Protein backbone atom coordinates (compact mmCIF):
# COMPACT_ATOMS: atom_id res chain seq x y z
CA MET A 1 -12.68 -23.54 3.24
CA LYS A 2 -13.78 -27.21 3.66
CA THR A 3 -10.78 -29.37 4.61
CA LEU A 4 -11.22 -33.10 4.43
CA ALA A 5 -9.00 -35.43 6.56
CA LEU A 6 -8.60 -38.86 4.72
CA LEU A 7 -7.17 -42.15 6.23
CA VAL A 8 -5.95 -44.36 3.32
CA ASN A 9 -5.30 -48.09 4.06
CA PHE A 10 -2.56 -49.49 1.38
CA HIS A 11 -2.16 -52.72 3.08
CA ARG A 12 -4.21 -55.60 4.55
CA TYR A 13 -1.76 -56.20 7.45
CA PRO A 14 -4.14 -56.86 10.47
CA SER A 15 -3.04 -53.88 12.59
CA ARG A 16 -6.26 -52.14 13.00
CA GLU A 17 -6.66 -53.55 16.54
CA LEU A 18 -3.22 -52.80 17.86
CA LEU A 19 -2.91 -50.06 20.56
CA TRP A 20 -0.62 -47.38 20.50
CA ASP A 21 -0.61 -45.41 24.14
CA GLY A 22 -4.29 -46.88 24.69
CA LYS A 23 -5.49 -46.07 21.06
CA THR A 24 -5.83 -47.62 17.80
CA ALA A 25 -4.08 -45.85 14.83
CA SER A 26 -7.31 -44.84 13.59
CA GLU A 27 -8.51 -43.16 16.76
CA ARG A 28 -5.20 -41.41 17.36
CA LEU A 29 -5.44 -39.87 13.67
CA THR A 30 -8.99 -38.83 14.17
CA SER A 31 -7.68 -36.95 17.43
CA LEU A 32 -5.08 -35.64 15.36
CA ALA A 33 -7.33 -34.46 12.79
CA ARG A 34 -9.68 -32.78 15.24
CA SER A 35 -6.68 -30.77 16.80
CA LEU A 36 -5.69 -29.48 13.41
CA GLY A 37 -8.98 -28.34 12.98
CA LEU A 38 -9.83 -30.56 10.22
CA GLU A 39 -13.62 -31.78 9.19
CA THR A 40 -14.51 -34.95 11.31
CA PRO A 41 -15.45 -37.69 11.19
CA VAL A 42 -12.31 -38.83 9.09
CA ILE A 43 -13.24 -40.82 5.97
CA GLU A 44 -11.20 -44.12 5.77
CA VAL A 45 -10.74 -45.77 2.22
CA GLY A 46 -8.68 -48.82 0.88
CA PRO A 47 -6.75 -50.93 0.36
CA PHE A 48 -6.62 -50.94 -3.44
CA GLN A 49 -5.91 -53.18 -6.50
CA ASP A 50 -4.20 -50.63 -8.40
CA THR A 51 -3.37 -46.75 -8.81
CA THR A 52 -6.72 -46.38 -11.00
CA GLU A 53 -8.76 -47.84 -8.12
CA TYR A 54 -7.05 -45.50 -5.56
CA MET A 55 -7.49 -42.44 -7.64
CA GLU A 56 -11.09 -43.29 -8.23
CA ALA A 57 -11.77 -43.61 -4.49
CA LEU A 58 -9.91 -40.21 -3.91
CA VAL A 59 -12.19 -38.50 -6.42
CA LYS A 60 -15.21 -40.07 -4.84
CA ALA A 61 -14.14 -39.16 -1.23
CA CYS A 62 -13.01 -35.71 -1.81
CA GLN A 63 -16.11 -34.33 -3.59
CA GLY A 64 -16.91 -30.97 -2.33
CA ALA A 65 -13.65 -30.39 -0.44
CA GLU A 66 -10.98 -27.56 -1.22
CA GLU A 67 -8.27 -28.98 0.75
CA VAL A 68 -7.29 -32.79 1.69
CA VAL A 69 -4.94 -34.03 4.21
CA LEU A 70 -3.95 -37.36 3.40
CA PHE A 71 -2.88 -39.68 6.22
CA GLY A 72 -1.77 -43.38 6.13
CA ALA A 73 -4.17 -45.23 8.42
CA ASP A 74 -1.41 -47.35 9.54
CA ALA A 75 0.81 -44.37 11.32
CA PRO A 76 -0.31 -44.09 14.57
CA TYR A 77 2.55 -41.62 15.61
CA MET A 78 2.02 -38.88 12.83
CA ARG A 79 3.86 -35.87 14.04
CA GLU A 80 1.48 -32.96 14.80
CA ASP A 81 4.05 -30.27 14.69
CA VAL A 82 4.93 -31.29 11.10
CA CYS A 83 1.33 -31.58 10.18
CA SER A 84 0.78 -28.00 11.17
CA GLN A 85 4.01 -26.84 9.32
CA LEU A 86 2.86 -28.68 6.05
CA LEU A 87 -0.82 -27.21 6.25
CA SER A 88 0.73 -23.67 6.76
CA LEU A 89 2.96 -23.95 3.81
CA HIS A 90 0.37 -25.54 1.61
CA ARG A 91 -1.96 -22.55 2.48
CA ARG A 92 0.74 -19.69 2.33
CA TYR A 93 1.63 -20.51 -1.11
CA ARG A 94 -1.89 -21.76 -2.34
CA ALA A 95 -0.26 -25.05 -3.73
CA GLN A 96 -1.98 -27.88 -5.29
CA TYR A 97 0.13 -30.46 -3.84
CA THR A 98 2.37 -30.24 -0.53
CA PHE A 99 4.71 -33.08 0.86
CA ALA A 100 7.47 -33.56 3.28
CA ASP A 101 10.84 -34.92 2.15
CA GLY A 102 13.70 -36.42 4.36
CA PHE A 103 11.24 -37.56 6.98
CA PRO A 104 10.70 -41.50 7.58
CA SER A 105 7.45 -42.67 6.11
CA GLY A 106 4.64 -42.52 8.60
CA LEU A 107 5.47 -39.04 10.34
CA THR A 108 3.93 -36.79 7.71
CA PRO A 109 0.85 -36.65 5.64
CA GLU A 110 0.24 -35.15 1.89
CA VAL A 111 -2.04 -32.18 1.42
CA PHE A 112 -3.55 -31.45 -2.11
CA HIS A 113 -6.34 -29.75 -3.79
CA PRO A 114 -8.98 -32.17 -5.38
CA VAL A 115 -8.29 -30.22 -8.77
CA ILE A 116 -5.43 -32.38 -9.51
CA LEU A 117 -7.31 -35.71 -9.15
CA PRO A 118 -8.71 -35.98 -12.61
CA THR A 119 -5.65 -35.52 -14.40
CA LEU A 120 -3.71 -38.19 -12.24
CA LEU A 121 -6.75 -40.62 -12.55
CA ASP A 122 -6.33 -40.09 -16.50
CA TRP A 123 -2.54 -40.91 -16.13
CA ALA A 124 -3.26 -43.75 -13.71
CA LYS A 125 -5.58 -45.48 -16.53
CA LYS A 126 -2.84 -45.05 -18.96
CA LYS A 127 -0.35 -47.20 -17.05
CA PRO A 128 -2.00 -48.92 -14.10
CA SER A 129 0.53 -50.07 -11.27
CA PRO A 130 0.22 -51.52 -7.68
CA ALA A 131 -1.10 -48.83 -5.18
CA GLY A 132 1.25 -47.57 -2.40
CA ARG A 133 2.39 -44.72 -0.35
CA GLU A 134 4.40 -43.34 -3.29
CA SER A 135 1.45 -43.56 -5.86
CA LEU A 136 0.34 -40.00 -5.57
CA PHE A 137 3.63 -38.48 -5.87
CA GLN A 138 4.53 -40.80 -8.45
CA LEU A 139 1.46 -39.90 -10.61
CA LEU A 140 2.43 -36.11 -10.16
CA SER A 141 5.72 -36.97 -11.19
CA THR A 142 4.61 -37.75 -14.73
CA ASP A 143 4.59 -34.08 -15.47
CA ILE A 144 5.20 -32.47 -12.07
CA ASN A 145 5.62 -29.08 -13.64
CA ARG A 146 1.95 -28.81 -14.32
CA PHE A 147 1.11 -28.42 -10.68
CA ASP A 148 1.99 -25.82 -7.95
CA VAL A 149 4.11 -28.21 -5.76
CA GLU A 150 5.68 -27.31 -2.32
CA THR A 151 8.03 -29.14 -0.26
CA HIS A 152 8.76 -29.29 3.39
CA LEU A 153 12.18 -30.70 4.04
CA SER A 154 13.12 -32.63 7.23
CA PRO A 155 15.71 -30.95 9.56
CA VAL A 156 17.40 -34.22 9.66
CA ASP A 157 17.47 -35.82 6.52
CA LEU A 158 16.93 -39.61 7.13
CA ARG A 159 16.13 -40.90 3.40
CA SER A 160 19.09 -43.27 3.38
CA ARG A 161 17.93 -44.94 6.55
CA ARG A 162 14.81 -46.29 4.78
CA LEU A 163 12.85 -46.44 7.85
CA SER A 164 9.11 -46.68 7.66
CA LEU A 165 7.07 -45.77 11.12
CA THR A 166 3.90 -47.53 9.90
CA ALA A 167 2.37 -50.61 11.19
CA ASP A 168 1.81 -52.08 7.70
CA SER A 169 3.95 -55.30 8.50
CA ALA A 170 5.38 -57.25 11.57
CA ARG A 171 8.75 -55.31 10.88
CA GLY A 172 6.76 -52.08 11.14
CA VAL A 173 5.15 -52.76 14.33
CA VAL A 174 8.68 -54.02 15.67
CA LEU A 175 10.16 -50.37 14.75
CA LEU A 176 7.13 -48.44 15.94
CA ARG A 177 7.44 -50.46 19.43
CA ARG A 178 11.37 -49.60 19.83
CA VAL A 179 10.43 -45.72 19.14
CA GLU A 180 7.00 -45.33 20.86
CA SER A 181 8.76 -43.82 23.95
CA TRP A 182 10.50 -41.15 21.91
CA ASN A 183 7.48 -39.62 20.25
CA SER A 184 6.93 -36.71 22.80
CA LEU A 185 10.51 -35.58 22.28
CA PRO A 186 10.88 -32.31 20.23
CA LEU A 187 11.05 -32.92 16.48
CA ARG A 188 14.95 -32.35 15.69
CA GLU A 189 15.59 -34.54 18.96
CA PHE A 190 13.31 -37.42 17.83
CA LEU A 191 14.82 -37.34 14.43
CA GLU A 192 18.32 -37.33 15.39
CA LYS A 193 17.70 -40.30 17.79
CA LEU A 194 16.48 -41.92 14.73
CA GLU A 195 19.68 -41.01 12.87
CA LYS A 196 22.06 -42.32 15.50
CA MET A 197 20.46 -45.56 16.39
CA GLY A 198 21.88 -47.58 13.53
CA SER A 199 20.29 -50.76 14.98
CA LEU A 200 16.75 -49.65 14.20
CA VAL A 201 17.04 -50.79 10.86
CA ARG A 202 17.37 -54.55 11.85
CA THR A 203 14.06 -55.68 12.82
CA LEU A 204 12.69 -58.91 11.18
CA PRO A 205 13.80 -60.44 7.87
CA ALA A 206 12.32 -59.17 4.68
CA THR A 207 13.83 -61.29 2.16
CA LEU A 208 14.45 -65.00 2.11
CA GLN A 209 16.66 -66.84 -0.49
CA VAL A 210 16.30 -70.46 -0.63
CA GLN A 211 18.30 -73.02 -2.40
CA VAL A 212 15.68 -75.40 -4.10
CA THR A 213 18.36 -77.08 -6.30
CA ASN A 214 22.37 -77.07 -6.45
CA GLY A 215 22.02 -77.34 -10.27
CA VAL A 216 22.49 -74.93 -12.90
CA ARG A 217 22.27 -74.53 -16.54
CA GLN A 218 24.75 -71.85 -16.89
CA VAL A 219 27.66 -70.31 -14.89
CA PRO A 220 28.06 -66.80 -16.23
CA LYS A 221 31.31 -64.96 -16.21
CA TRP A 222 30.47 -62.99 -13.19
CA SER A 223 29.50 -65.77 -11.20
CA PRO A 224 31.79 -67.53 -8.77
CA HIS A 225 29.66 -70.73 -8.79
CA LEU A 226 32.41 -73.22 -9.80
CA GLN A 227 34.63 -71.76 -7.14
CA PHE A 228 32.64 -73.47 -4.37
CA ASP A 229 30.81 -75.95 -6.17
CA PRO A 230 32.58 -77.38 -9.22
CA ARG A 231 29.74 -79.71 -10.04
CA ALA A 232 27.20 -77.14 -10.27
CA LEU A 233 26.46 -78.14 -14.06
CA GLU A 234 26.07 -81.71 -13.40
CA ALA A 235 24.48 -81.08 -9.79
CA ARG A 236 21.05 -82.77 -9.35
CA GLU A 237 20.09 -82.29 -5.79
CA PHE A 238 16.66 -80.68 -4.95
CA LEU A 239 14.86 -79.69 -1.95
CA ALA A 240 11.94 -81.85 -0.83
CA ARG A 241 8.58 -80.10 -1.28
CA ASP A 242 7.48 -80.67 2.40
CA GLN A 243 10.78 -79.18 3.70
CA TRP A 244 10.08 -76.02 1.38
CA ASN A 245 6.79 -75.65 2.75
CA GLY A 246 7.68 -76.17 6.34
CA LEU A 247 10.34 -73.70 5.85
CA LEU A 248 8.25 -71.01 4.71
CA ASP A 249 5.60 -71.62 7.14
CA SER A 250 8.03 -71.36 9.96
CA MET A 251 9.71 -68.20 8.45
CA LEU A 252 6.11 -66.49 7.81
CA SER A 253 5.04 -67.36 11.53
CA PHE A 254 7.98 -65.23 12.39
CA ALA A 255 8.38 -62.29 10.10
CA GLY A 256 4.56 -61.97 9.04
CA ASP A 257 5.45 -61.51 5.32
CA LEU A 258 8.48 -62.44 3.19
CA THR A 259 9.66 -61.79 -0.43
CA VAL A 260 10.92 -65.49 -1.04
CA MET A 261 13.47 -66.00 -3.91
CA PRO A 262 14.05 -69.69 -4.84
CA ALA A 263 17.17 -69.20 -6.88
CA PHE A 264 19.83 -69.11 -4.25
CA TRP A 265 22.96 -70.77 -6.06
CA GLY A 266 20.78 -72.77 -8.38
CA GLU A 267 18.28 -72.66 -11.33
CA PRO A 268 14.79 -72.92 -10.09
CA SER A 269 13.74 -74.53 -13.53
CA MET A 270 15.68 -77.45 -12.80
CA HIS A 271 13.49 -78.50 -9.88
CA PRO A 272 11.11 -81.47 -11.14
CA GLN A 273 8.50 -79.98 -9.00
CA VAL A 274 9.20 -76.33 -9.42
CA ARG A 275 5.45 -75.58 -10.54
CA GLY A 276 4.28 -77.26 -7.23
CA LEU A 277 6.80 -75.34 -5.43
CA LEU A 278 5.69 -72.05 -6.47
CA VAL A 279 2.05 -72.63 -6.26
CA ASP A 280 2.35 -73.75 -2.82
CA ALA A 281 3.96 -70.67 -2.13
CA LEU A 282 1.66 -68.27 -3.76
CA GLY A 283 -1.03 -69.95 -1.70
CA LYS A 284 0.49 -68.77 1.72
CA PRO A 285 -0.68 -65.23 3.03
CA GLY A 286 2.26 -62.80 3.00
CA VAL A 287 4.47 -64.52 0.40
CA THR A 288 5.49 -62.65 -2.80
CA LEU A 289 7.80 -64.70 -4.86
CA CYS A 290 10.79 -63.45 -7.13
CA VAL A 291 12.12 -65.87 -9.36
CA GLU A 292 15.65 -65.19 -10.69
CA THR A 293 16.42 -67.38 -13.57
CA SER A 294 18.52 -67.82 -16.95
CA GLY A 295 15.10 -68.22 -18.75
CA LEU A 296 16.24 -71.74 -19.79
CA GLY A 297 14.45 -75.05 -19.04
CA TRP A 298 10.99 -73.65 -18.39
CA ASN A 299 7.85 -75.68 -19.53
CA ASP A 300 5.27 -73.30 -21.06
CA ASP A 301 2.15 -75.08 -19.45
CA ASP A 302 3.93 -74.74 -15.88
CA LEU A 303 4.20 -70.79 -16.74
CA VAL A 304 0.55 -70.77 -18.12
CA LEU A 305 -0.65 -72.21 -14.95
CA LEU A 306 1.26 -70.08 -12.69
CA SER A 307 0.19 -67.15 -14.49
CA ARG A 308 -3.32 -68.01 -13.46
CA GLU A 309 -2.13 -68.54 -9.75
CA SER A 310 -0.12 -65.78 -9.42
CA LYS A 311 -2.49 -62.78 -8.18
CA GLY A 312 0.18 -60.26 -8.77
CA GLN A 313 2.40 -62.04 -6.18
CA LEU A 314 5.06 -63.65 -8.65
CA GLU A 315 7.68 -61.76 -10.15
CA PHE A 316 10.74 -62.93 -12.50
CA ILE A 317 14.07 -61.49 -12.90
CA VAL A 318 15.56 -62.98 -16.16
CA GLU A 319 19.44 -62.96 -16.56
CA LEU A 320 20.37 -62.16 -19.94
CA ASP A 321 23.25 -59.91 -19.86
CA SER A 322 23.31 -59.18 -23.60
CA LEU A 323 21.03 -58.62 -26.70
CA VAL A 324 24.05 -59.59 -29.03
CA PRO A 325 24.22 -63.54 -29.53
CA GLU A 326 28.03 -63.45 -29.61
CA THR A 327 28.33 -61.31 -26.37
CA TYR A 328 25.81 -63.68 -24.62
CA ARG A 329 27.65 -66.60 -25.73
CA ARG A 330 30.95 -65.27 -24.44
CA LEU A 331 29.60 -64.22 -20.98
CA ARG A 332 26.71 -67.02 -20.43
CA GLY A 333 27.51 -69.86 -22.92
CA GLU A 334 24.76 -71.35 -25.05
CA GLY A 335 21.19 -70.70 -24.90
CA PHE A 336 20.38 -67.22 -26.36
CA GLU A 337 17.37 -67.95 -28.49
CA GLU A 338 15.65 -70.00 -25.53
CA ALA A 339 16.27 -67.14 -23.08
CA MET A 340 14.99 -64.39 -25.30
CA ALA A 341 12.01 -66.42 -26.25
CA THR A 342 11.49 -67.48 -22.57
CA THR A 343 11.59 -63.54 -21.60
CA HIS A 344 9.13 -62.27 -24.26
CA ARG A 345 6.83 -65.39 -23.24
CA LEU A 346 6.99 -64.37 -19.56
CA ILE A 347 6.10 -60.48 -20.31
CA GLU A 348 3.37 -61.79 -22.16
CA LEU A 349 2.06 -63.91 -19.16
CA PHE A 350 3.06 -61.64 -16.26
CA PRO A 351 2.69 -58.23 -17.46
CA GLY A 352 4.45 -55.83 -15.34
CA LYS A 353 6.23 -58.41 -13.33
CA VAL A 354 9.23 -59.20 -15.43
CA TRP A 355 12.58 -57.67 -15.09
CA PRO A 356 15.13 -58.38 -17.74
CA GLN A 357 18.55 -58.11 -16.43
CA THR A 358 22.11 -57.42 -17.33
CA VAL A 359 25.25 -57.13 -15.19
CA ARG A 360 27.12 -54.00 -16.20
CA MET A 361 30.65 -55.10 -16.89
CA SER A 362 33.35 -53.82 -18.97
CA ASP A 363 32.41 -56.71 -21.51
CA ASN A 364 29.05 -55.48 -22.33
CA GLU A 365 29.12 -51.77 -21.26
CA GLU A 366 28.93 -50.58 -24.83
CA GLU A 367 25.62 -52.36 -25.02
CA MET A 368 23.86 -50.94 -22.19
CA GLU A 369 21.81 -48.39 -23.87
CA GLY A 370 20.62 -50.81 -26.48
CA PHE A 371 19.66 -53.22 -23.95
CA TYR A 372 17.90 -50.68 -21.67
CA LYS A 373 15.88 -49.15 -24.74
CA TYR A 374 14.79 -52.52 -26.06
CA TRP A 375 13.53 -54.20 -22.90
CA THR A 376 12.14 -51.02 -21.54
CA GLN A 377 9.97 -50.79 -24.54
CA LYS A 378 9.26 -54.72 -24.10
CA ALA A 379 8.75 -55.03 -20.33
CA GLY A 380 8.41 -51.48 -19.08
CA GLN A 381 11.34 -51.86 -16.76
CA VAL A 382 15.17 -53.32 -16.77
CA ILE A 383 17.57 -54.08 -14.08
CA LEU A 384 21.00 -52.75 -14.94
CA GLN A 385 22.79 -54.59 -11.93
CA LYS A 386 26.17 -53.42 -10.80
CA HIS A 387 29.18 -56.09 -11.24
CA ASN A 388 29.94 -57.89 -8.04
CA HIS A 389 33.35 -59.19 -7.58
CA PHE A 390 32.52 -61.21 -4.25
CA GLY A 391 35.05 -59.34 -2.14
CA GLY A 392 37.95 -59.73 -4.42
CA ARG A 393 37.16 -63.57 -5.22
CA LEU A 394 36.56 -62.58 -9.01
CA PRO A 395 38.35 -60.19 -11.26
CA GLN A 396 37.20 -56.54 -10.99
CA LEU A 397 35.01 -55.98 -14.24
CA LYS A 398 32.74 -53.06 -13.01
CA PRO A 399 33.25 -49.87 -15.49
CA ALA A 400 32.34 -47.39 -12.82
CA ASP A 401 32.36 -47.16 -8.66
CA LEU A 402 28.81 -46.63 -7.68
CA SER A 403 29.61 -47.28 -4.09
CA PRO A 404 28.61 -44.56 -1.34
CA TRP A 405 31.36 -42.19 -0.16
CA ALA A 406 30.99 -43.45 3.43
CA ARG A 407 30.38 -47.20 4.19
CA HIS A 408 27.20 -48.00 6.34
CA PRO A 409 26.04 -51.34 7.76
CA CYS A 410 25.04 -53.87 5.22
CA TRP A 411 21.37 -53.97 4.03
CA HIS A 412 21.52 -57.67 3.51
CA ALA A 413 22.71 -58.26 7.21
CA ALA A 414 19.86 -55.93 8.37
CA ARG A 415 17.23 -57.76 5.85
CA ASP A 416 18.00 -60.88 4.53
CA LEU A 417 18.46 -64.72 5.24
CA ALA A 418 19.81 -67.40 2.66
CA VAL A 419 19.17 -70.92 3.45
CA PHE A 420 21.23 -73.87 1.69
CA LEU A 421 19.78 -77.22 0.57
CA ASP A 422 20.74 -78.81 3.95
CA GLY A 423 19.11 -75.99 5.87
CA THR A 424 22.54 -74.10 6.68
CA THR A 425 21.54 -70.41 7.05
CA VAL A 426 23.67 -67.50 6.22
CA PRO A 427 23.12 -63.71 6.21
CA CYS A 428 23.48 -63.26 2.26
CA ARG A 429 24.44 -64.73 -1.03
CA ASP A 430 27.84 -63.64 -0.92
CA ASP A 431 28.74 -65.98 1.82
CA PHE A 432 28.76 -69.00 -0.16
CA ALA A 433 31.68 -70.18 1.66
CA ARG A 434 29.57 -70.47 4.80
CA THR A 435 31.92 -68.41 7.16
CA GLN A 436 28.96 -66.68 9.07
CA VAL A 437 26.71 -69.63 9.75
CA LEU A 438 23.37 -68.44 11.57
CA GLY A 439 22.10 -71.77 12.08
CA ASN A 440 20.06 -74.63 10.36
CA ALA A 441 16.58 -73.62 9.08
CA PHE A 442 15.21 -77.17 9.41
CA SER A 443 16.30 -77.87 12.99
CA GLU A 444 16.29 -74.39 14.64
CA THR A 445 13.58 -71.62 14.76
CA PRO A 446 13.56 -68.55 12.81
CA GLU A 447 13.86 -66.46 15.76
CA VAL A 448 17.02 -67.91 17.10
CA ILE A 449 18.53 -68.21 13.71
CA TRP A 450 17.81 -64.31 13.15
CA ASN A 451 18.86 -63.24 16.52
CA ARG A 452 22.19 -64.75 16.10
CA GLY A 453 22.62 -62.12 13.14
CA SER A 454 22.50 -59.31 15.65
CA ALA A 455 26.25 -59.89 16.31
CA LEU A 456 27.10 -59.64 12.67
CA PHE A 457 25.39 -56.29 12.47
CA GLY A 458 26.75 -55.12 15.52
CA LEU A 459 30.14 -55.63 13.98
CA HIS A 460 29.02 -53.62 10.91
CA LEU A 461 27.85 -50.78 13.28
CA SER A 462 31.20 -50.70 14.92
CA GLU A 463 33.24 -51.04 11.36
CA ASN A 464 34.78 -54.20 12.54
CA TYR A 465 34.17 -56.37 9.32
CA PRO A 466 34.74 -60.01 9.27
CA SER A 467 36.63 -61.47 6.32
CA VAL A 468 33.95 -61.99 3.84
CA CYS A 469 32.39 -58.62 4.55
CA ARG A 470 35.60 -56.54 4.50
CA ASN A 471 35.99 -55.77 0.82
CA CYS A 472 32.40 -56.72 -0.28
CA ASP A 473 30.89 -53.72 -2.05
CA GLU A 474 27.48 -55.32 -2.10
CA TYR A 475 26.49 -53.61 1.29
CA TYR A 476 24.62 -50.71 -0.27
CA THR A 477 22.49 -52.87 -2.59
CA PHE A 478 18.88 -53.63 -1.55
CA ASN A 479 16.75 -57.03 -2.36
CA TYR A 480 13.16 -56.24 -0.90
């Protein structure tokens, strides 16, 4: 039986030359393939624009093979013991696809028979999407019962930790360096150390929220905005373009890549240079933009230009909250027709990158199904956001409790930074009262600011929560 080892690049992060115990990731994976008795030299492919290109590359590379072991090319510490177990399982049951579940990404490969690829390619062509580590499984899940699938379960379930032992970002490299001395440990002991070390999940910032203006066009019922800024509907202060660029440049030099959200307690469409701000950001390597907006006040010429510049890096979340004009007016005020028109226009200009959103409340619970069906058909995706009572500072309006049975440290304290107009930086959107100030992003370095957040995360690890966190139930929500 001809077994092929295939190394797949999903990202363009410059990690190829990094050394791990004296070898590059490619060299380590080639050695692993040899020790497993796989065909060498190892074939390396990618990165890809979308899943169609990914599947086409697999079809071409796998010709003549009867079994393929798919390694991430940026996973230097893939476990030989788990790889052997996966291969044994795949062969014993003559599976068409075998994967591991519950392990951190980067420890385990995927194993498959190339006979599945033509079907997956057809499905990819019907609904193109960005290519990533989960693409093969996601395509199989279109109709997973058509295939013979086997699963190898981790002895320690680490899915909730969201750990990725891959050198696809500066964050991944930091994590790999933290654990590289553990790699010779037996599997269970290694996984248990990953489970017990709660501080591992905090590496470098992944999401940067920026207040580009303190003005808004609406204050929805679910927002506490008027509590801390009674002038929000009249406010007209704006972040200078040079400050915006300086902030992004400094943060990128520290974090490597970031999802930037320019809607931190303000409506980005109100900024007189919003198009320039977004175009500037899109020109910076490593930036993905997510613009959260009411859908009001946008200039169509700006949107058309942004669609040409976006290169797949620009997403929109449109806060709508209802499909019913009367409910919309009760929850958000005037603007229903414009918000709906803007959402449809965004879907036309940015296909696959627009997320109509509703905050799920007792006020609109009966409308959830209709909202979901309508926008899923139009946009392909919807956000049904849980209601946030901001630690008890707003009435509790959520119709169901979605919180975990046991509290864990906050994802926002582990991954986010939020910057006000004056540079004041806090860990998250909920700290609008600025009780946990980490520093000033315009006068201090990102490293200094980020490292100050370690103390807050340490409090979470010890279950000693400051007042702003104590009654918050956003700790289990996740941005990017």
